[in-house]
């Protein structure tokens, strides 16, 4: 639950120390500059993954050469070859045996493709929405927070990137709040069953056809388990392989997909369902320790259900194919292990404590992850440039910064875990992305808040709702979680993907009030209206210019990130 959101903690509030001497919020370390160091052992790990598919890579050019040679043969060549083979029966038998053996070995050992048939993100009812001012007023009326804690939460909320249409569970709408086991179960059922009902309706898959079920929820693990609740609700078959992952943070959604992928390699011709959610009802913090207050400000209700298949017949109707999953775990380091830690405060109240070193630890995990992922996805030109600078630095001890590959050449869309505005800002900067690449993350954070492990699915749904997903496009989902973990999943679109019915953005993709980055350009202020996908320039003549004009300015470094503003469609105004 805490993984990405926590990274927003101190940076979100950075620079917000009260001039009145009230709340003091110390800025934390930012993500480290990836240009400074690259660990060679993780590069080797990535190339180990690449070399594991060396047999396939070698067979492809060999088969291509054979096909070219066969295509150049004329009837006389074929007749001479036949006469030659009649007198070399032993050679024919040996070659045939090798051919059959090689083909059988390849078919038996090759990984089975895993297809994403469809997925569904839960959209809670409007009665559960909470505005920022409502959140603060409600926090004050509970009587659990002192003035310093309320001021701290106000500053976090103002800089969080969350809008006024996010959702909190029903128990938190009461005064006083009513957290209980029954209320937590009700929240879990609403989210999981809501997403699954829509998924089964959109795919026409019967629950009895599901052979594998993986559920991940970090902080709510009742008995019977959440997976057992789903089995009971939908009367799934008795021999289903069900798993319940707990305590693994915001990156557990990718872990659940990886587990389902491995199971689909073993169990043929079946479906796997992955359910990713988080539960807020019993995990709201009612104390005054500032390091434990941030999840209250960022986490909101949400969940997603994903249908995976290893059936070849499902390729035609599937949206995506799973290409790679790369997982990084820093739990062996004590500081990383404790940077997101559930514990009691001095008053005995339970919450999730966030370390001031969280951003630096997240940056280290991300650097390890992308260093391993790079050789699997980057074009050869980028890999050669990367290795040239790396070798120069390692062998000659040259003061040369390693070349950081351009991941925009490997991916068309980025789904960065919407843990907080600071996380998104830092990844945009360090990975040298354009505003459009982090648009889905910013908009998901604004509309739904931090929905933990399911946030990457809300972001993918946003990209589809915008009509931007085309056949062959590659998507990079990247998530952070307690432990500390950084995990990546790479998907390839199998067709032009349209949003599924009853999607999370269906009611707001063309009308929502949104947050966005404001950029300063000479004699004007340019900002990207993420709702409509255009750049608007406020100048003396109030002219509009195309998006690539400002992208060129960004590339040249002539403008800089200025602030976060809010765009009102009705007024066309920009307020700071």
Protein backbone atom coordinates (compact mmCIF):
# COMPACT_ATOMS: atom_id res chain seq x y z
CA UNK A 1 0.00 0.00 0.00
CA UNK A 2 2.64 2.47 1.09
CA UNK A 3 5.26 2.00 -1.62
CA UNK A 4 4.74 4.81 -4.09
CA UNK A 5 2.60 7.08 -1.99
CA UNK A 6 5.21 7.35 0.65
CA UNK A 7 7.69 8.66 -1.84
CA UNK A 8 5.55 11.76 -2.02
CA UNK A 9 5.87 12.39 1.69
CA UNK A 10 8.47 14.97 2.38
CA UNK A 11 9.06 16.11 -1.17
CA UNK A 12 5.39 16.86 -1.62
CA UNK A 13 5.55 19.13 1.33
CA UNK A 14 9.05 20.34 0.54
CA UNK A 15 9.52 24.05 0.79
CA UNK A 16 6.29 24.39 2.68
CA UNK A 17 7.72 25.14 6.10
CA UNK A 18 5.35 27.53 7.73
CA UNK A 19 6.63 31.07 7.98
CA UNK A 20 4.64 31.45 11.16
CA UNK A 21 6.81 28.93 12.95
CA UNK A 22 4.06 26.35 13.02
CA UNK A 23 4.51 23.16 11.01
CA UNK A 24 8.05 22.50 9.86
CA UNK A 25 8.32 20.06 6.95
CA UNK A 26 11.85 19.11 6.11
CA UNK A 27 12.56 18.38 2.43
CA UNK A 28 13.71 14.83 1.89
CA UNK A 29 16.31 13.52 -0.47
CA UNK A 30 15.14 13.43 -4.05
CA UNK A 31 15.57 10.53 -6.40
CA UNK A 32 19.28 10.11 -7.18
CA UNK A 33 20.60 11.20 -10.53
CA UNK A 34 20.76 8.03 -12.62
CA UNK A 35 23.58 9.56 -14.64
CA UNK A 36 25.96 9.29 -11.69
CA UNK A 37 26.36 5.53 -11.32
CA UNK A 38 25.30 2.24 -12.80
CA UNK A 39 26.00 -1.10 -11.13
CA UNK A 40 27.56 -3.49 -13.63
CA UNK A 41 26.16 -6.63 -11.99
CA UNK A 42 22.61 -5.59 -12.84
CA UNK A 43 23.60 -4.98 -16.44
CA UNK A 44 24.97 -8.52 -16.47
CA UNK A 45 21.68 -9.78 -15.06
CA UNK A 46 19.77 -8.16 -17.88
CA UNK A 47 22.05 -9.75 -20.44
CA UNK A 48 21.62 -13.09 -18.69
CA UNK A 49 17.91 -12.81 -19.40
CA UNK A 50 18.74 -11.94 -22.99
CA UNK A 51 21.13 -14.86 -23.45
CA UNK A 52 18.52 -17.28 -22.08
CA UNK A 53 16.71 -16.78 -25.39
CA UNK A 54 19.88 -17.11 -27.45
CA UNK A 55 18.78 -20.39 -29.08
CA UNK A 56 15.70 -18.73 -30.51
CA UNK A 57 17.69 -15.73 -31.69
CA UNK A 58 20.18 -18.01 -33.47
CA UNK A 59 17.55 -20.20 -35.11
CA UNK A 60 15.71 -17.28 -36.68
CA UNK A 61 18.55 -16.13 -39.00
CA UNK A 62 19.41 -19.77 -39.77
CA UNK A 63 15.87 -20.48 -40.88
CA UNK A 64 15.85 -17.26 -42.88
CA UNK A 65 19.00 -18.32 -44.78
CA UNK A 66 17.51 -21.76 -45.50
CA UNK A 67 14.30 -20.21 -46.81
CA UNK A 68 16.25 -17.88 -49.10
CA UNK A 69 18.28 -20.77 -50.50
CA UNK A 70 15.18 -22.89 -51.07
CA UNK A 71 13.48 -20.00 -52.83
CA UNK A 72 16.36 -19.74 -55.32
CA UNK A 73 16.23 -23.42 -56.37
CA UNK A 74 14.84 -24.36 -59.80
CA UNK A 75 13.19 -27.71 -60.75
CA UNK A 76 16.48 -29.15 -62.01
CA UNK A 77 18.17 -28.38 -58.68
CA UNK A 78 15.34 -30.13 -56.87
CA UNK A 79 15.64 -33.23 -59.11
CA UNK A 80 19.42 -33.43 -58.56
CA UNK A 81 18.92 -33.10 -54.79
CA UNK A 82 16.39 -35.93 -54.83
CA UNK A 83 18.76 -38.22 -56.75
CA UNK A 84 21.54 -37.40 -54.34
CA UNK A 85 19.39 -38.20 -51.31
CA UNK A 86 18.35 -41.59 -52.77
CA UNK A 87 21.93 -42.74 -52.44
CA UNK A 88 22.44 -41.23 -48.96
CA UNK A 89 19.59 -42.76 -46.97
CA UNK A 90 21.55 -42.77 -43.72
CA UNK A 91 22.21 -39.04 -43.97
CA UNK A 92 18.53 -38.38 -44.62
CA UNK A 93 17.48 -40.41 -41.57
CA UNK A 94 20.04 -38.71 -39.31
CA UNK A 95 19.08 -35.22 -40.49
CA UNK A 96 15.39 -36.00 -40.11
CA UNK A 97 15.95 -37.29 -36.58
CA UNK A 98 17.86 -34.14 -35.63
CA UNK A 99 15.13 -31.99 -37.16
CA UNK A 100 12.36 -33.77 -35.27
CA UNK A 101 14.32 -33.73 -32.02
CA UNK A 102 15.16 -30.03 -32.33
CA UNK A 103 11.58 -29.08 -33.18
CA UNK A 104 10.21 -31.10 -30.26
CA UNK A 105 12.74 -29.59 -27.85
CA UNK A 106 11.89 -26.08 -29.00
CA UNK A 107 8.13 -26.62 -28.70
CA UNK A 108 8.42 -28.19 -25.24
CA UNK A 109 10.80 -25.60 -23.76
CA UNK A 110 9.61 -22.35 -25.30
CA UNK A 111 7.65 -20.08 -22.93
CA UNK A 112 3.95 -20.02 -23.63
CA UNK A 113 2.63 -16.58 -24.53
CA UNK A 114 0.45 -14.95 -21.90
CA UNK A 115 -2.37 -12.76 -23.18
CA UNK A 116 -4.27 -10.05 -21.37
CA UNK A 117 -7.80 -10.64 -22.55
CA UNK A 118 -9.30 -7.67 -20.70
CA UNK A 119 -9.27 -5.90 -17.35
CA UNK A 120 -11.68 -3.82 -15.30
CA UNK A 121 -11.07 -0.96 -12.85
CA UNK A 122 -13.58 -0.30 -10.10
CA UNK A 123 -15.29 3.09 -10.03
CA UNK A 124 -16.94 3.69 -6.63
CA UNK A 125 -20.36 5.36 -6.33
CA UNK A 126 -20.38 9.16 -6.28
CA UNK A 127 -21.64 9.24 -2.68
CA UNK A 128 -18.16 8.15 -1.56
CA UNK A 129 -16.42 11.12 -3.18
CA UNK A 130 -14.59 13.56 -0.94
CA UNK A 131 -13.34 17.07 -1.71
CA UNK A 132 -10.15 18.42 -0.21
CA UNK A 133 -11.99 20.89 2.00
CA UNK A 134 -14.35 18.13 3.16
CA UNK A 135 -11.36 15.93 3.99
CA UNK A 136 -9.79 18.64 6.16
CA UNK A 137 -13.05 19.57 7.87
CA UNK A 138 -13.80 15.93 8.60
CA UNK A 139 -10.30 15.43 10.02
CA UNK A 140 -10.81 18.43 12.31
CA UNK A 141 -14.21 17.28 13.54
CA UNK A 142 -13.01 13.82 14.51
CA UNK A 143 -11.04 15.40 17.35
CA UNK A 144 -8.14 12.96 16.92
CA UNK A 145 -5.64 15.41 15.42
CA UNK A 146 -3.95 18.40 17.04
CA UNK A 147 -3.48 21.73 15.26
CA UNK A 148 0.03 20.91 14.03
CA UNK A 149 -1.14 17.62 12.50
CA UNK A 150 -4.09 19.30 10.80
CA UNK A 151 -1.82 21.96 9.32
CA UNK A 152 0.60 19.29 8.16
CA UNK A 153 -2.22 17.37 6.44
CA UNK A 154 -3.50 20.54 4.81
CA UNK A 155 -0.11 21.24 3.26
CA UNK A 156 0.21 17.64 2.06
CA UNK A 157 -3.27 17.68 0.50
CA UNK A 158 -2.64 20.99 -1.26
CA UNK A 159 0.52 19.69 -2.91
CA UNK A 160 -0.53 16.08 -3.42
CA UNK A 161 -1.92 16.32 -6.93
CA UNK A 162 -5.27 14.83 -5.86
CA UNK A 163 -8.48 16.37 -7.12
CA UNK A 164 -11.92 16.74 -5.57
CA UNK A 165 -13.45 13.55 -6.97
CA UNK A 166 -11.47 10.85 -5.20
CA UNK A 167 -13.17 8.28 -2.98
CA UNK A 168 -12.86 7.20 0.65
CA UNK A 169 -14.65 4.19 2.17
CA UNK A 170 -18.10 4.53 3.68
CA UNK A 171 -16.89 4.07 7.26
CA UNK A 172 -14.75 7.21 6.96
CA UNK A 173 -17.73 9.39 6.01
CA UNK A 174 -19.29 9.05 9.47
CA UNK A 175 -18.58 11.26 12.45
CA UNK A 176 -16.96 9.76 14.33
CA UNK A 177 -15.54 7.29 11.75
CA UNK A 178 -16.65 3.68 12.12
CA UNK A 179 -13.72 1.44 11.21
CA UNK A 180 -14.53 -2.20 11.93
CA UNK A 181 -13.88 -5.67 10.56
CA UNK A 182 -17.38 -5.76 9.08
CA UNK A 183 -16.89 -2.38 7.37
CA UNK A 184 -13.50 -3.48 6.01
CA UNK A 185 -15.02 -6.67 4.59
CA UNK A 186 -17.78 -4.61 3.00
CA UNK A 187 -15.23 -2.31 1.35
CA UNK A 188 -13.24 -5.28 0.04
CA UNK A 189 -16.38 -6.93 -1.36
CA UNK A 190 -17.57 -3.77 -3.07
CA UNK A 191 -14.24 -3.19 -4.78
CA UNK A 192 -13.36 -6.77 -5.76
CA UNK A 193 -16.84 -7.89 -6.75
CA UNK A 194 -17.52 -4.64 -8.59
CA UNK A 195 -14.40 -5.07 -10.75
CA UNK A 196 -14.99 -8.80 -11.30
CA UNK A 197 -18.66 -8.42 -12.25
CA UNK A 198 -17.71 -5.95 -14.96
CA UNK A 199 -14.80 -8.12 -16.12
CA UNK A 200 -16.92 -11.25 -16.51
CA UNK A 201 -19.66 -9.26 -18.28
CA UNK A 202 -17.21 -7.72 -20.78
CA UNK A 203 -15.36 -10.96 -21.59
CA UNK A 204 -18.29 -13.44 -21.42
CA UNK A 205 -16.00 -15.78 -19.48
CA UNK A 206 -17.76 -18.02 -16.98
CA UNK A 207 -16.33 -18.02 -13.45
CA UNK A 208 -16.15 -21.83 -13.59
CA UNK A 209 -13.58 -21.53 -16.41
CA UNK A 210 -11.07 -19.75 -14.16
CA UNK A 211 -8.21 -22.08 -13.22
CA UNK A 212 -5.91 -19.64 -11.37
CA UNK A 213 -6.77 -16.83 -8.96
CA UNK A 214 -4.25 -14.40 -7.46
CA UNK A 215 -5.37 -11.63 -5.09
CA UNK A 216 -3.10 -8.99 -3.62
CA UNK A 217 -4.00 -6.62 -0.78
CA UNK A 218 -1.26 -5.32 1.48
CA UNK A 219 -2.89 -4.33 4.78
CA UNK A 220 -6.14 -6.26 5.04
CA UNK A 221 -5.79 -10.02 5.31
CA UNK A 222 -8.83 -11.55 7.04
CA UNK A 223 -9.65 -15.20 7.59
CA UNK A 224 -11.01 -16.66 5.35
CA UNK A 225 -8.80 -14.86 2.86
CA UNK A 226 -9.85 -12.41 0.18
CA UNK A 227 -9.28 -15.07 -2.48
CA UNK A 228 -11.61 -17.38 -0.56
CA UNK A 229 -14.24 -14.62 -0.53
CA UNK A 230 -14.06 -14.52 -4.33
CA UNK A 231 -14.23 -18.31 -4.62
CA UNK A 232 -17.32 -18.31 -2.42
CA UNK A 233 -19.03 -15.42 -4.22
CA UNK A 234 -18.60 -16.78 -7.75
CA UNK A 235 -18.66 -20.50 -6.85
CA UNK A 236 -15.33 -21.16 -8.54
CA UNK A 237 -14.34 -24.75 -9.16
CA UNK A 238 -12.88 -26.91 -6.43
CA UNK A 239 -9.45 -27.47 -8.00
CA UNK A 240 -8.69 -23.78 -8.59
CA UNK A 241 -5.15 -22.65 -7.77
CA UNK A 242 -5.78 -19.65 -5.50
CA UNK A 243 -3.19 -17.37 -3.88
CA UNK A 244 -3.48 -14.40 -1.52
CA UNK A 245 -0.55 -11.95 -1.40
CA UNK A 246 -0.32 -9.64 1.61
CA UNK A 247 2.06 -6.98 2.91
CA UNK A 248 3.80 -6.44 -0.43
CA UNK A 249 2.85 -2.80 -0.99
CA UNK A 250 1.97 -0.90 -4.13
CA UNK A 251 4.14 -3.04 -6.40
CA UNK A 252 2.22 -6.23 -5.59
CA UNK A 253 0.07 -5.90 -8.72
CA UNK A 254 3.08 -6.63 -10.93
CA UNK A 255 4.15 -9.43 -8.57
CA UNK A 256 0.68 -10.99 -8.89
CA UNK A 257 0.89 -10.81 -12.68
CA UNK A 258 4.33 -12.45 -12.57
CA UNK A 259 3.01 -15.26 -10.36
CA UNK A 260 0.04 -15.81 -12.68
CA UNK A 261 2.41 -15.86 -15.66
CA UNK A 262 4.56 -18.58 -14.08
CA UNK A 263 1.48 -20.67 -13.26
CA UNK A 264 0.21 -20.30 -16.82
CA UNK A 265 3.50 -21.78 -18.05
CA UNK A 266 2.70 -24.97 -16.12
CA UNK A 267 -1.07 -25.29 -16.42
CA UNK A 268 -2.17 -25.48 -20.04
CA UNK A 269 -5.23 -24.07 -21.70
CA UNK A 270 -6.66 -22.08 -18.80
CA UNK A 271 -7.53 -18.62 -17.52
CA UNK A 272 -5.96 -16.70 -14.65
CA UNK A 273 -7.58 -13.80 -12.80
CA UNK A 274 -5.49 -11.24 -10.92
CA UNK A 275 -7.27 -8.93 -8.46
CA UNK A 276 -5.29 -5.95 -7.11
CA UNK A 277 -6.72 -3.75 -4.38
CA UNK A 278 -6.05 -2.08 -1.04
CA UNK A 279 -8.26 -1.62 2.00
CA UNK A 280 -8.46 1.70 3.81
CA UNK A 281 -11.21 1.21 6.40
CA UNK A 282 -9.11 -0.38 9.15
CA UNK A 283 -5.85 1.31 8.15
CA UNK A 284 -6.74 4.96 8.67
CA UNK A 285 -4.31 6.57 11.11
CA UNK A 286 -5.83 8.56 13.97
CA UNK A 287 -2.62 9.75 15.63
CA UNK A 288 -0.32 12.77 15.40
CA UNK A 289 3.01 11.35 14.19
CA UNK A 290 3.67 13.19 10.93
CA UNK A 291 5.51 10.33 9.25
CA UNK A 292 2.34 8.25 9.60
CA UNK A 293 -0.20 10.89 8.50
CA UNK A 294 0.69 10.99 4.80
CA UNK A 295 -1.19 7.81 3.72
CA UNK A 296 -4.42 9.40 5.02
CA UNK A 297 -3.90 12.28 2.59
CA UNK A 298 -3.04 10.21 -0.49
CA UNK A 299 -4.65 6.77 -0.46
CA UNK A 300 -8.13 6.34 -1.84
CA UNK A 301 -10.54 3.52 -2.71
CA UNK A 302 -9.81 1.56 -5.91
CA UNK A 303 -9.13 -1.86 -7.35
CA UNK A 304 -8.69 -3.75 -10.61
CA UNK A 305 -9.36 -7.24 -11.96
CA UNK A 306 -7.28 -8.64 -14.85
CA UNK A 307 -8.05 -11.67 -17.01
CA UNK A 308 -5.01 -13.52 -18.39
CA UNK A 309 -4.97 -16.51 -20.73
CA UNK A 310 -2.50 -18.94 -22.29
CA UNK A 311 -4.99 -20.17 -24.89
CA UNK A 312 -3.82 -19.55 -28.46
CA UNK A 313 -7.44 -19.07 -29.49
CA UNK A 314 -7.68 -16.03 -27.21
CA UNK A 315 -4.99 -14.10 -29.06
CA UNK A 316 -7.45 -12.63 -31.56
CA UNK A 317 -9.66 -11.06 -28.90
CA UNK A 318 -6.97 -10.15 -26.36
CA UNK A 319 -5.78 -6.61 -25.86
CA UNK A 320 -2.14 -7.22 -24.94
CA UNK A 321 0.61 -9.81 -24.75
CA UNK A 322 2.92 -9.94 -21.74
CA UNK A 323 6.50 -9.41 -22.94
CA UNK A 324 8.66 -9.03 -19.82
CA UNK A 325 8.44 -8.84 -16.05
CA UNK A 326 11.48 -7.62 -14.11
CA UNK A 327 11.42 -7.56 -10.31
CA UNK A 328 13.86 -5.85 -7.94
CA UNK A 329 13.91 -6.43 -4.17
CA UNK A 330 16.07 -4.34 -1.80
CA UNK A 331 14.88 -6.06 1.38
CA UNK A 332 18.36 -7.29 2.24
CA UNK A 333 19.29 -3.71 3.16
CA UNK A 334 18.03 -2.67 6.60
CA UNK A 335 17.27 0.91 5.60
CA UNK A 336 15.25 -0.26 2.60
CA UNK A 337 13.42 -2.86 4.68
CA UNK A 338 12.28 -0.31 7.26
CA UNK A 339 11.63 2.70 5.04
CA UNK A 340 7.90 1.81 4.86
CA UNK A 341 6.98 0.19 8.15
CA UNK A 342 3.67 -0.56 9.84
CA UNK A 343 3.92 0.05 13.57
CA UNK A 344 2.35 1.69 16.61
CA UNK A 345 3.08 5.26 17.61
CA UNK A 346 3.77 6.36 21.19
CA UNK A 347 0.03 6.42 21.92
CA UNK A 348 -0.42 2.86 20.67
CA UNK A 349 -2.18 3.85 17.45
CA UNK A 350 -1.30 1.76 14.40
CA UNK A 351 -0.19 3.33 11.14
CA UNK A 352 2.38 3.12 8.37
CA UNK A 353 5.56 5.05 9.07
CA UNK A 354 7.50 6.55 6.16
CA UNK A 355 11.24 7.11 6.35
CA UNK A 356 12.82 10.38 5.28
CA UNK A 357 15.18 8.30 3.10
CA UNK A 358 12.33 6.80 1.09
CA UNK A 359 12.91 8.79 -2.10
CA UNK A 360 16.60 7.89 -2.19
CA UNK A 361 15.81 4.20 -1.58
CA UNK A 362 13.13 4.23 -4.28
CA UNK A 363 15.62 5.79 -6.66
CA UNK A 364 18.18 3.07 -6.01
CA UNK A 365 15.61 0.34 -6.58
CA UNK A 366 14.46 2.01 -9.79
CA UNK A 367 18.02 2.32 -11.07
CA UNK A 368 18.61 -1.38 -10.46
CA UNK A 369 15.35 -2.30 -12.16
CA UNK A 370 15.84 -0.27 -15.33
CA UNK A 371 19.48 -1.36 -15.62
CA UNK A 372 18.26 -4.95 -15.72
CA UNK A 373 15.32 -4.15 -17.99
CA UNK A 374 17.34 -2.14 -20.51
CA UNK A 375 19.05 -5.01 -22.40
CA UNK A 376 15.67 -6.70 -22.84
CA UNK A 377 13.83 -3.81 -24.44
CA UNK A 378 16.21 -1.19 -25.81
CA UNK A 379 17.28 -1.06 -29.48
CA UNK A 380 20.83 -2.19 -30.18
CA UNK A 381 21.98 1.38 -30.92
CA UNK A 382 21.10 2.50 -27.41
CA UNK A 383 22.73 -0.57 -25.87
CA UNK A 384 25.98 0.04 -27.74
CA UNK A 385 26.14 3.66 -26.58
CA UNK A 386 25.40 2.58 -23.04
CA UNK A 387 28.13 -0.07 -23.00
CA UNK A 388 30.71 2.15 -24.64
CA UNK A 389 30.47 4.72 -21.85
CA UNK A 390 30.19 2.04 -19.15
CA UNK A 391 33.33 0.22 -20.31
CA UNK A 392 35.22 3.49 -20.54
CA UNK A 393 34.31 4.30 -16.97
CA UNK A 394 35.05 0.84 -15.55
CA UNK A 395 38.31 0.07 -17.42
CA UNK A 396 39.93 3.46 -17.73
CA UNK A 397 38.44 5.06 -14.63
CA UNK A 398 37.48 7.93 -16.84
CA UNK A 399 35.38 10.73 -15.43
CA UNK A 400 32.63 9.95 -17.87
CA UNK A 401 28.99 9.82 -16.92
CA UNK A 402 27.37 6.58 -18.07
CA UNK A 403 25.03 7.05 -20.99
CA UNK A 404 21.44 6.71 -19.82
CA UNK A 405 19.47 5.10 -22.65
CA UNK A 406 16.41 6.79 -24.08
CA UNK A 407 13.54 4.59 -22.93
CA UNK A 408 11.19 6.53 -25.17
CA UNK A 409 12.68 4.50 -28.02
CA UNK A 410 11.60 1.27 -26.31
CA UNK A 411 8.14 2.23 -25.05
CA UNK A 412 5.20 4.14 -26.45
CA UNK A 413 3.31 4.52 -23.17
CA UNK A 414 4.37 4.79 -19.52
CA UNK A 415 2.23 3.76 -16.55
CA UNK A 416 4.16 5.06 -13.54
CA UNK A 417 2.61 4.18 -10.20
CA UNK A 418 0.59 7.21 -9.09
CA UNK A 419 2.09 7.29 -5.62
CA UNK A 420 2.23 11.07 -5.44
CA UNK A 421 3.10 14.14 -7.48
CA UNK A 422 6.73 14.14 -6.32
CA UNK A 423 7.27 10.59 -7.56
CA UNK A 424 5.89 11.40 -10.98
CA UNK A 425 7.87 14.65 -11.21
CA UNK A 426 11.14 12.95 -10.35
CA UNK A 427 10.67 10.05 -12.75
CA UNK A 428 9.72 12.44 -15.52
CA UNK A 429 12.95 14.33 -14.88
CA UNK A 430 15.31 11.40 -14.39
CA UNK A 431 13.99 9.31 -17.30
CA UNK A 432 13.89 12.43 -19.49
CA UNK A 433 10.24 11.98 -20.36
CA UNK A 434 7.88 14.49 -21.94
CA UNK A 435 4.73 15.69 -20.14
CA UNK A 436 2.56 13.54 -22.39
CA UNK A 437 4.37 10.41 -21.18
CA UNK A 438 3.37 11.01 -17.54
CA UNK A 439 -0.06 12.39 -18.38
CA UNK A 440 -1.85 9.12 -17.54
CA UNK A 441 -0.13 8.96 -14.15
CA UNK A 442 -0.93 12.57 -13.25
CA UNK A 443 -4.54 12.23 -14.32
CA UNK A 444 -5.05 8.97 -12.44
CA UNK A 445 -3.61 10.55 -9.30
CA UNK A 446 -5.88 13.56 -9.72
CA UNK A 447 -9.09 11.66 -10.44
CA UNK A 448 -8.73 8.57 -8.23
CA UNK A 449 -5.83 9.33 -5.87
CA UNK A 450 -3.27 6.70 -4.94
CA UNK A 451 -5.14 3.42 -5.38
CA UNK A 452 -2.03 1.41 -4.50
CA UNK A 453 -1.24 -1.61 -6.70
CA UNK A 454 -4.22 -0.99 -9.00
CA UNK A 455 -3.10 2.52 -10.04
CA UNK A 456 -1.17 1.26 -13.08
CA UNK A 457 -4.42 -0.20 -14.46
CA UNK A 458 -6.29 3.08 -14.09
CA UNK A 459 -3.45 4.69 -16.04
CA UNK A 460 -3.63 2.10 -18.81
CA UNK A 461 -7.41 2.63 -18.96
CA UNK A 462 -6.80 6.38 -19.34
CA UNK A 463 -4.53 5.82 -22.33
CA UNK A 464 -7.17 3.61 -23.94
CA UNK A 465 -9.94 6.12 -23.21
CA UNK A 466 -7.89 8.77 -25.00
CA UNK A 467 -7.73 6.52 -28.09
CA UNK A 468 -3.93 6.45 -28.15
CA UNK A 469 -3.26 2.71 -27.99
CA UNK A 470 -2.33 1.27 -31.39
CA UNK A 471 -1.33 -2.19 -32.54
CA UNK A 472 2.31 -2.90 -31.74
CA UNK A 473 2.61 -0.19 -29.10
CA UNK A 474 4.58 -1.15 -26.01
CA UNK A 475 3.54 -0.20 -22.49
CA UNK A 476 5.82 0.02 -19.47
CA UNK A 477 4.11 -0.44 -16.11
CA UNK A 478 6.39 0.40 -13.20
CA UNK A 479 5.46 0.25 -9.50
CA UNK A 480 7.12 0.67 -6.11
CA UNK A 481 6.25 -1.11 -2.88
CA UNK A 482 7.28 -1.66 0.72
CA UNK A 483 10.09 -4.09 1.35
CA UNK A 484 11.52 -2.21 -0.67
CA UNK A 485 10.58 -3.30 -4.19
CA UNK A 486 10.52 -1.89 -7.69
CA UNK A 487 8.82 -4.02 -10.37
CA UNK A 488 8.23 -3.57 -14.09
CA UNK A 489 5.87 -5.20 -16.56
CA UNK A 490 6.06 -4.72 -20.33
CA UNK A 491 3.01 -5.30 -22.54
CA UNK A 492 2.57 -5.21 -26.31
CA UNK A 493 -0.75 -4.16 -27.84
CA UNK A 494 -2.14 -6.82 -30.17
CA UNK A 495 -4.61 -4.45 -31.86
CA UNK A 496 -5.93 -0.91 -31.78
CA UNK A 497 -7.32 -0.99 -28.26
CA UNK A 498 -10.58 0.72 -27.41
CA UNK A 499 -11.81 1.20 -23.84
CA UNK A 500 -14.03 -1.55 -22.46
CA UNK A 501 -17.62 -0.79 -21.44
CA UNK A 502 -18.15 0.77 -18.01
CA UNK A 503 -14.53 1.85 -17.77
CA UNK A 504 -13.31 4.09 -14.94
CA UNK A 505 -12.95 7.13 -17.22
CA UNK A 506 -16.26 6.74 -19.02
CA UNK A 507 -17.97 9.55 -17.14
CA UNK A 508 -15.15 12.06 -17.00
CA UNK A 509 -12.61 11.72 -19.83
CA UNK A 510 -14.01 14.74 -21.69
CA UNK A 511 -15.09 17.01 -18.89
CA UNK A 512 -12.96 16.70 -15.82
CA UNK A 513 -11.25 19.44 -13.91
CA UNK A 514 -7.60 18.56 -13.92
CA UNK A 515 -4.17 19.40 -12.60
CA UNK A 516 -1.24 19.81 -14.92
CA UNK A 517 2.25 21.19 -15.19
CA UNK A 518 2.71 24.81 -16.15
CA UNK A 519 5.74 25.72 -18.20
CA UNK A 520 7.28 29.15 -18.67
CA UNK A 521 8.17 30.05 -22.26
CA UNK A 522 9.37 33.42 -23.56
CA UNK A 523 6.61 36.06 -23.24
CA UNK A 524 3.93 33.49 -22.52
CA UNK A 525 2.70 30.82 -20.17
CA UNK A 526 2.05 27.41 -21.73
CA UNK A 527 0.20 24.63 -20.05
CA UNK A 528 -1.02 21.24 -21.14
CA UNK A 529 -4.72 20.58 -20.80
CA UNK A 530 -4.57 16.84 -20.17
CA UNK A 531 -8.33 16.44 -20.52
CA UNK A 532 -8.26 17.45 -24.16
CA UNK A 533 -4.71 16.62 -25.16
CA UNK A 534 -3.69 20.02 -26.52
CA UNK A 535 -1.32 22.79 -25.52
CA UNK A 536 -2.81 26.22 -24.92
CA UNK A 537 -0.64 29.31 -24.91
CA UNK A 538 -1.80 32.37 -22.97
CA UNK A 539 -0.15 35.33 -24.70
CA UNK A 540 -1.08 38.91 -25.51
CA UNK A 541 -3.09 37.66 -28.48
CA UNK A 542 -4.39 34.56 -26.63
CA UNK A 543 -3.24 32.30 -29.48
CA UNK A 544 -3.13 28.48 -29.55
CA UNK A 545 -0.09 26.63 -30.80
CA UNK A 546 0.42 22.91 -31.51
CA UNK A 547 1.89 20.64 -28.86
CA UNK A 548 5.11 19.97 -30.78
CA UNK A 549 6.01 23.67 -30.59
CA UNK A 550 6.34 23.46 -26.83
CA UNK A 551 7.88 20.01 -26.93
CA UNK A 552 10.71 21.47 -29.01
CA UNK A 553 11.17 24.24 -26.47
CA UNK A 554 11.28 21.67 -23.69
CA UNK A 555 13.85 19.64 -25.58
CA UNK A 556 16.04 22.69 -26.09
CA UNK A 557 15.86 23.48 -22.40
CA UNK A 558 14.50 26.99 -22.96
CA UNK A 559 11.77 26.60 -20.35
CA UNK A 560 11.47 25.05 -16.94
CA UNK A 561 8.84 23.52 -14.71
CA UNK A 562 7.13 26.41 -12.96
CA UNK A 563 4.26 25.19 -10.82
CA UNK A 564 1.11 23.16 -10.61
CA UNK A 565 -2.07 24.89 -11.75
CA UNK A 566 -5.71 24.05 -12.23
CA UNK A 567 -7.54 24.48 -15.52
CA UNK A 568 -11.24 25.26 -15.51
CA UNK A 569 -12.87 24.41 -18.81
CA UNK A 570 -15.74 26.81 -18.18
CA UNK A 571 -13.55 29.86 -17.64
CA UNK A 572 -10.47 28.82 -19.60
CA UNK A 573 -8.46 30.32 -16.77
CA UNK A 574 -5.25 29.34 -15.10
CA UNK A 575 -4.86 29.83 -11.36
CA UNK A 576 -1.69 29.36 -9.31
